[in-house]
Amino acid sequence: MRARYGEGSIYPRGGKPDQYGKLKTGSWWVCYFRNGVMHRESAHTLVKTQARVLLKQRSAEIVTGDFV
């Protein structure tokens, strides 16, 4: 499932994902923008769906103003 335009992105670092989105090594990273500034952080997980949850959490924090 692809994210909608403007929601940020998820990408692997340190490994190649299998067909189910799971990495054997490395971790998934999330990238998003706030006030025109790019923020990148590790999701500290090998599973893509868990990284997607982190990205949605960060997006919600930005919208509500809780993002630091």
PDB file of N, CA and C in Angstrom:
ATOM      1  N   MET A   1       0.840  -1.179   0.000  1.00  0.00           N
ATOM      2  CA  MET A   1       0.000   0.000   0.000  1.00  0.00           C
ATOM      3  C   MET A   1       0.883   1.241   0.000  1.00  0.00           C
ATOM      4  N   ARG A   2       0.621   2.126  -0.910  1.00  0.00           N
ATOM      5  CA  ARG A   2       1.402   3.352  -1.004  1.00  0.00           C
ATOM      6  C   ARG A   2       0.787   4.435  -0.148  1.00  0.00           C
ATOM      7  N   ALA A   3       1.664   5.280   0.372  1.00  0.00           N
ATOM      8  CA  ALA A   3       1.198   6.435   1.147  1.00  0.00           C
ATOM      9  C   ALA A   3       0.665   7.495   0.189  1.00  0.00           C
ATOM     10  N   ARG A   4      -0.191   8.335   0.687  1.00  0.00           N
ATOM     11  CA  ARG A   4      -0.704   9.429  -0.131  1.00  0.00           C
ATOM     12  C   ARG A   4       0.375  10.489  -0.292  1.00  0.00           C
ATOM     13  N   TYR A   5       0.244  11.289  -1.326  1.00  0.00           N
ATOM     14  CA  TYR A   5       1.202  12.347  -1.592  1.00  0.00           C
ATOM     15  C   TYR A   5       1.261  13.300  -0.410  1.00  0.00           C
ATOM     16  N   GLY A   6       2.472  13.602   0.037  1.00  0.00           N
ATOM     17  CA  GLY A   6       2.663  14.553   1.117  1.00  0.00           C
ATOM     18  C   GLY A   6       2.718  13.944   2.506  1.00  0.00           C
ATOM     19  N   GLU A   7       2.606  12.616   2.614  1.00  0.00           N
ATOM     20  CA  GLU A   7       2.627  11.968   3.924  1.00  0.00           C
ATOM     21  C   GLU A   7       4.025  11.592   4.376  1.00  0.00           C
ATOM     22  N   GLY A   8       5.024  11.783   3.545  1.00  0.00           N
ATOM     23  CA  GLY A   8       6.375  11.373   3.888  1.00  0.00           C
ATOM     24  C   GLY A   8       6.715  10.067   3.184  1.00  0.00           C
ATOM     25  N   SER A   9       7.845   9.489   3.555  1.00  0.00           N
ATOM     26  CA  SER A   9       8.259   8.251   2.904  1.00  0.00           C
ATOM     27  C   SER A   9       8.943   7.316   3.897  1.00  0.00           C
ATOM     28  N   ILE A  10       8.999   6.055   3.493  1.00  0.00           N
ATOM     29  CA  ILE A  10       9.644   5.004   4.270  1.00  0.00           C
ATOM     30  C   ILE A  10      10.641   4.336   3.339  1.00  0.00           C
ATOM     31  N   TYR A  11      11.855   4.129   3.820  1.00  0.00           N
ATOM     32  CA  TYR A  11      12.854   3.492   2.976  1.00  0.00           C
ATOM     33  C   TYR A  11      13.803   2.640   3.827  1.00  0.00           C
ATOM     34  N   PRO A  12      14.358   1.562   3.218  1.00  0.00           N
ATOM     35  CA  PRO A  12      15.272   0.693   3.957  1.00  0.00           C
ATOM     36  C   PRO A  12      16.695   1.227   3.917  1.00  0.00           C
ATOM     37  N   ARG A  13      17.444   0.991   4.993  1.00  0.00           N
ATOM     38  CA  ARG A  13      18.872   1.307   5.011  1.00  0.00           C
ATOM     39  C   ARG A  13      19.603   0.112   5.601  1.00  0.00           C
ATOM     40  N   GLY A  14      20.608  -0.331   4.900  1.00  0.00           N
ATOM     41  CA  GLY A  14      21.430  -1.418   5.406  1.00  0.00           C
ATOM     42  C   GLY A  14      20.967  -2.802   4.997  1.00  0.00           C
ATOM     43  N   GLY A  15      20.004  -2.910   4.131  1.00  0.00           N
ATOM     44  CA  GLY A  15      19.531  -4.215   3.693  1.00  0.00           C
ATOM     45  C   GLY A  15      18.469  -4.086   2.629  1.00  0.00           C
ATOM     46  N   LYS A  16      18.128  -5.210   2.027  1.00  0.00           N
ATOM     47  CA  LYS A  16      17.109  -5.218   0.983  1.00  0.00           C
ATOM     48  C   LYS A  16      15.886  -5.961   1.507  1.00  0.00           C
ATOM     49  N   PRO A  17      14.695  -5.365   1.381  1.00  0.00           N
ATOM     50  CA  PRO A  17      13.492  -6.022   1.901  1.00  0.00           C
ATOM     51  C   PRO A  17      13.067  -7.211   1.045  1.00  0.00           C
ATOM     52  N   ASP A  18      12.430  -8.201   1.692  1.00  0.00           N
ATOM     53  CA  ASP A  18      11.867  -9.312   0.939  1.00  0.00           C
ATOM     54  C   ASP A  18      10.497  -8.900   0.393  1.00  0.00           C
ATOM     55  N   GLN A  19       9.783  -9.828  -0.186  1.00  0.00           N
ATOM     56  CA  GLN A  19       8.495  -9.498  -0.817  1.00  0.00           C
ATOM     57  C   GLN A  19       7.430  -9.071   0.179  1.00  0.00           C
ATOM     58  N   TYR A  20       7.644  -9.338   1.469  1.00  0.00           N
ATOM     59  CA  TYR A  20       6.674  -8.963   2.493  1.00  0.00           C
ATOM     60  C   TYR A  20       7.067  -7.677   3.232  1.00  0.00           C
ATOM     61  N   GLY A  21       8.162  -7.049   2.844  1.00  0.00           N
ATOM     62  CA  GLY A  21       8.584  -5.803   3.454  1.00  0.00           C
ATOM     63  C   GLY A  21       9.426  -5.974   4.703  1.00  0.00           C
ATOM     64  N   LYS A  22       9.977  -7.170   4.922  1.00  0.00           N
ATOM     65  CA  LYS A  22      10.794  -7.416   6.097  1.00  0.00           C
ATOM     66  C   LYS A  22      12.274  -7.429   5.701  1.00  0.00           C
ATOM     67  N   LEU A  23      13.087  -6.786   6.538  1.00  0.00           N
ATOM     68  CA  LEU A  23      14.529  -6.739   6.308  1.00  0.00           C
ATOM     69  C   LEU A  23      15.220  -7.828   7.125  1.00  0.00           C
ATOM     70  N   LYS A  24      16.345  -8.320   6.614  1.00  0.00           N
ATOM     71  CA  LYS A  24      17.150  -9.262   7.392  1.00  0.00           C
ATOM     72  C   LYS A  24      18.187  -8.515   8.216  1.00  0.00           C
ATOM     73  N   THR A  25      18.682  -7.410   7.682  1.00  0.00           N
ATOM     74  CA  THR A  25      19.648  -6.570   8.395  1.00  0.00           C
ATOM     75  C   THR A  25      19.269  -5.119   8.197  1.00  0.00           C
ATOM     76  N   GLY A  26      19.844  -4.244   8.983  1.00  0.00           N
ATOM     77  CA  GLY A  26      19.560  -2.812   8.852  1.00  0.00           C
ATOM     78  C   GLY A  26      18.256  -2.444   9.535  1.00  0.00           C
ATOM     79  N   SER A  27      17.628  -1.372   9.069  1.00  0.00           N
ATOM     80  CA  SER A  27      16.339  -0.953   9.622  1.00  0.00           C
ATOM     81  C   SER A  27      15.623  -0.056   8.618  1.00  0.00           C
ATOM     82  N   TRP A  28      14.346   0.153   8.858  1.00  0.00           N
ATOM     83  CA  TRP A  28      13.552   1.067   8.048  1.00  0.00           C
ATOM     84  C   TRP A  28      13.710   2.478   8.598  1.00  0.00           C
ATOM     85  N   TRP A  29      13.722   3.441   7.710  1.00  0.00           N
ATOM     86  CA  TRP A  29      13.831   4.846   8.082  1.00  0.00           C
ATOM     87  C   TRP A  29      12.612   5.582   7.565  1.00  0.00           C
ATOM     88  N   VAL A  30      12.215   6.638   8.254  1.00  0.00           N
ATOM     89  CA  VAL A  30      11.099   7.469   7.818  1.00  0.00           C
ATOM     90  C   VAL A  30      11.618   8.868   7.516  1.00  0.00           C
ATOM     91  N   CYS A  31      10.995   9.504   6.556  1.00  0.00           N
ATOM     92  CA  CYS A  31      11.368  10.853   6.141  1.00  0.00           C
ATOM     93  C   CYS A  31      10.086  11.660   6.001  1.00  0.00           C
ATOM     94  N   TYR A  32      10.065  12.859   6.596  1.00  0.00           N
ATOM     95  CA  TYR A  32       8.891  13.711   6.538  1.00  0.00           C
ATOM     96  C   TYR A  32       9.337  15.157   6.628  1.00  0.00           C
ATOM     97  N   PHE A  33       8.445  16.070   6.269  1.00  0.00           N
ATOM     98  CA  PHE A  33       8.755  17.491   6.273  1.00  0.00           C
ATOM     99  C   PHE A  33       7.883  18.216   7.287  1.00  0.00           C
ATOM    100  N   ARG A  34       8.473  19.198   7.938  1.00  0.00           N
ATOM    101  CA  ARG A  34       7.729  20.095   8.833  1.00  0.00           C
ATOM    102  C   ARG A  34       8.262  21.500   8.601  1.00  0.00           C
ATOM    103  N   ASN A  35       7.399  22.408   8.239  1.00  0.00           N
ATOM    104  CA  ASN A  35       7.762  23.802   7.940  1.00  0.00           C
ATOM    105  C   ASN A  35       8.869  23.888   6.902  1.00  0.00           C
ATOM    106  N   GLY A  36       8.823  23.024   5.920  1.00  0.00           N
ATOM    107  CA  GLY A  36       9.795  23.034   4.840  1.00  0.00           C
ATOM    108  C   GLY A  36      11.139  22.415   5.178  1.00  0.00           C
ATOM    109  N   VAL A  37      11.286  21.841   6.367  1.00  0.00           N
ATOM    110  CA  VAL A  37      12.543  21.221   6.789  1.00  0.00           C
ATOM    111  C   VAL A  37      12.371  19.705   6.792  1.00  0.00           C
ATOM    112  N   MET A  38      13.295  19.005   6.126  1.00  0.00           N
ATOM    113  CA  MET A  38      13.230  17.557   6.073  1.00  0.00           C
ATOM    114  C   MET A  38      13.740  16.953   7.372  1.00  0.00           C
ATOM    115  N   HIS A  39      12.998  15.989   7.897  1.00  0.00           N
ATOM    116  CA  HIS A  39      13.395  15.255   9.089  1.00  0.00           C
ATOM    117  C   HIS A  39      13.487  13.788   8.714  1.00  0.00           C
ATOM    118  N   ARG A  40      14.569  13.136   9.125  1.00  0.00           N
ATOM    119  CA  ARG A  40      14.747  11.706   8.901  1.00  0.00           C
ATOM    120  C   ARG A  40      15.062  11.057  10.233  1.00  0.00           C
ATOM    121  N   GLU A  41      14.485   9.885  10.441  1.00  0.00           N
ATOM    122  CA  GLU A  41      14.804   9.147  11.660  1.00  0.00           C
ATOM    123  C   GLU A  41      14.612   7.657  11.425  1.00  0.00           C
ATOM    124  N   SER A  42      15.354   6.885  12.189  1.00  0.00           N
ATOM    125  CA  SER A  42      15.244   5.440  12.118  1.00  0.00           C
ATOM    126  C   SER A  42      13.990   4.993  12.840  1.00  0.00           C
ATOM    127  N   ALA A  43      13.321   4.003  12.274  1.00  0.00           N
ATOM    128  CA  ALA A  43      12.148   3.425  12.926  1.00  0.00           C
ATOM    129  C   ALA A  43      12.565   2.315  13.887  1.00  0.00           C
ATOM    130  N   HIS A  44      13.813   1.932  13.892  1.00  0.00           N
ATOM    131  CA  HIS A  44      14.353   0.880  14.770  1.00  0.00           C
ATOM    132  C   HIS A  44      13.556  -0.414  14.649  1.00  0.00           C
ATOM    133  N   THR A  45      13.230  -0.793  13.418  1.00  0.00           N
ATOM    134  CA  THR A  45      12.479  -2.015  13.195  1.00  0.00           C
ATOM    135  C   THR A  45      12.885  -2.638  11.866  1.00  0.00           C
ATOM    136  N   LEU A  46      12.667  -3.929  11.756  1.00  0.00           N
ATOM    137  CA  LEU A  46      12.925  -4.644  10.512  1.00  0.00           C
ATOM    138  C   LEU A  46      11.645  -4.805   9.690  1.00  0.00           C
ATOM    139  N   VAL A  47      10.503  -4.425  10.251  1.00  0.00           N
ATOM    140  CA  VAL A  47       9.199  -4.631   9.618  1.00  0.00           C
ATOM    141  C   VAL A  47       8.654  -3.298   9.088  1.00  0.00           C
ATOM    142  N   LYS A  48       8.278  -3.286   7.807  1.00  0.00           N
ATOM    143  CA  LYS A  48       7.838  -2.052   7.161  1.00  0.00           C
ATOM    144  C   LYS A  48       6.549  -1.503   7.762  1.00  0.00           C
ATOM    145  N   THR A  49       5.624  -2.356   8.155  1.00  0.00           N
ATOM    146  CA  THR A  49       4.354  -1.871   8.701  1.00  0.00           C
ATOM    147  C   THR A  49       4.564  -1.123  10.016  1.00  0.00           C
ATOM    148  N   GLN A  50       5.541  -1.528  10.810  1.00  0.00           N
ATOM    149  CA  GLN A  50       5.833  -0.818  12.051  1.00  0.00           C
ATOM    150  C   GLN A  50       6.429   0.561  11.749  1.00  0.00           C
ATOM    151  N   ALA A  51       7.224   0.653  10.689  1.00  0.00           N
ATOM    152  CA  ALA A  51       7.768   1.948  10.274  1.00  0.00           C
ATOM    153  C   ALA A  51       6.653   2.858   9.785  1.00  0.00           C
ATOM    154  N   ARG A  52       5.668   2.291   9.096  1.00  0.00           N
ATOM    155  CA  ARG A  52       4.527   3.075   8.618  1.00  0.00           C
ATOM    156  C   ARG A  52       3.733   3.641   9.799  1.00  0.00           C
ATOM    157  N   VAL A  53       3.616   2.864  10.876  1.00  0.00           N
ATOM    158  CA  VAL A  53       2.927   3.333  12.077  1.00  0.00           C
ATOM    159  C   VAL A  53       3.667   4.527  12.672  1.00  0.00           C
ATOM    160  N   LEU A  54       4.999   4.460  12.723  1.00  0.00           N
ATOM    161  CA  LEU A  54       5.792   5.581  13.241  1.00  0.00           C
ATOM    162  C   LEU A  54       5.596   6.823  12.380  1.00  0.00           C
ATOM    163  N   LEU A  55       5.580   6.656  11.064  1.00  0.00           N
ATOM    164  CA  LEU A  55       5.382   7.793  10.165  1.00  0.00           C
ATOM    165  C   LEU A  55       4.014   8.441  10.391  1.00  0.00           C
ATOM    166  N   LYS A  56       2.982   7.625  10.562  1.00  0.00           N
ATOM    167  CA  LYS A  56       1.651   8.172  10.835  1.00  0.00           C
ATOM    168  C   LYS A  56       1.621   8.887  12.180  1.00  0.00           C
ATOM    169  N   GLN A  57       2.348   8.348  13.155  1.00  0.00           N
ATOM    170  CA  GLN A  57       2.414   8.990  14.476  1.00  0.00           C
ATOM    171  C   GLN A  57       3.086  10.354  14.378  1.00  0.00           C
ATOM    172  N   ARG A  58       4.187  10.434  13.653  1.00  0.00           N
ATOM    173  CA  ARG A  58       4.874  11.710  13.473  1.00  0.00           C
ATOM    174  C   ARG A  58       3.998  12.709  12.723  1.00  0.00           C
ATOM    175  N   SER A  59       3.281  12.242  11.716  1.00  0.00           N
ATOM    176  CA  SER A  59       2.391  13.129  10.962  1.00  0.00           C
ATOM    177  C   SER A  59       1.308  13.691  11.871  1.00  0.00           C
ATOM    178  N   ALA A  60       0.762  12.857  12.742  1.00  0.00           N
ATOM    179  CA  ALA A  60      -0.266  13.310  13.678  1.00  0.00           C
ATOM    180  C   ALA A  60       0.315  14.317  14.667  1.00  0.00           C
ATOM    181  N   GLU A  61       1.547  14.098  15.125  1.00  0.00           N
ATOM    182  CA  GLU A  61       2.182  15.043  16.048  1.00  0.00           C
ATOM    183  C   GLU A  61       2.389  16.395  15.388  1.00  0.00           C
ATOM    184  N   ILE A  62       2.737  16.401  14.120  1.00  0.00           N
ATOM    185  CA  ILE A  62       2.935  17.660  13.399  1.00  0.00           C
ATOM    186  C   ILE A  62       1.617  18.414  13.280  1.00  0.00           C
ATOM    187  N   VAL A  63       0.550  17.703  12.969  1.00  0.00           N
ATOM    188  CA  VAL A  63      -0.767  18.329  12.788  1.00  0.00           C
ATOM    189  C   VAL A  63      -1.280  18.905  14.122  1.00  0.00           C
ATOM    190  N   THR A  64      -1.109  18.166  15.214  1.00  0.00           N
ATOM    191  CA  THR A  64      -1.628  18.617  16.509  1.00  0.00           C
ATOM    192  C   THR A  64      -0.708  19.607  17.203  1.00  0.00           C
ATOM    193  N   GLY A  65       0.521  19.757  16.715  1.00  0.00           N
ATOM    194  CA  GLY A  65       1.467  20.694  17.330  1.00  0.00           C
ATOM    195  C   GLY A  65       2.289  20.094  18.437  1.00  0.00           C
ATOM    196  N   ASP A  66       2.245  18.775  18.610  1.00  0.00           N
ATOM    197  CA  ASP A  66       3.014  18.111  19.654  1.00  0.00           C
ATOM    198  C   ASP A  66       4.436  17.757  19.215  1.00  0.00           C
ATOM    199  N   PHE A  67       4.757  17.932  17.943  1.00  0.00           N
ATOM    200  CA  PHE A  67       6.087  17.588  17.431  1.00  0.00           C
ATOM    201  C   PHE A  67       7.123  18.547  17.968  1.00  0.00           C
ATOM    202  N   VAL A  68       8.197  18.005  18.521  1.00  0.00           N
ATOM    203  CA  VAL A  68       9.255  18.846  19.088  1.00  0.00           C
ATOM    204  C   VAL A  68      10.450  18.834  18.166  1.00  0.00           C
TER     205      VAL A  68
END
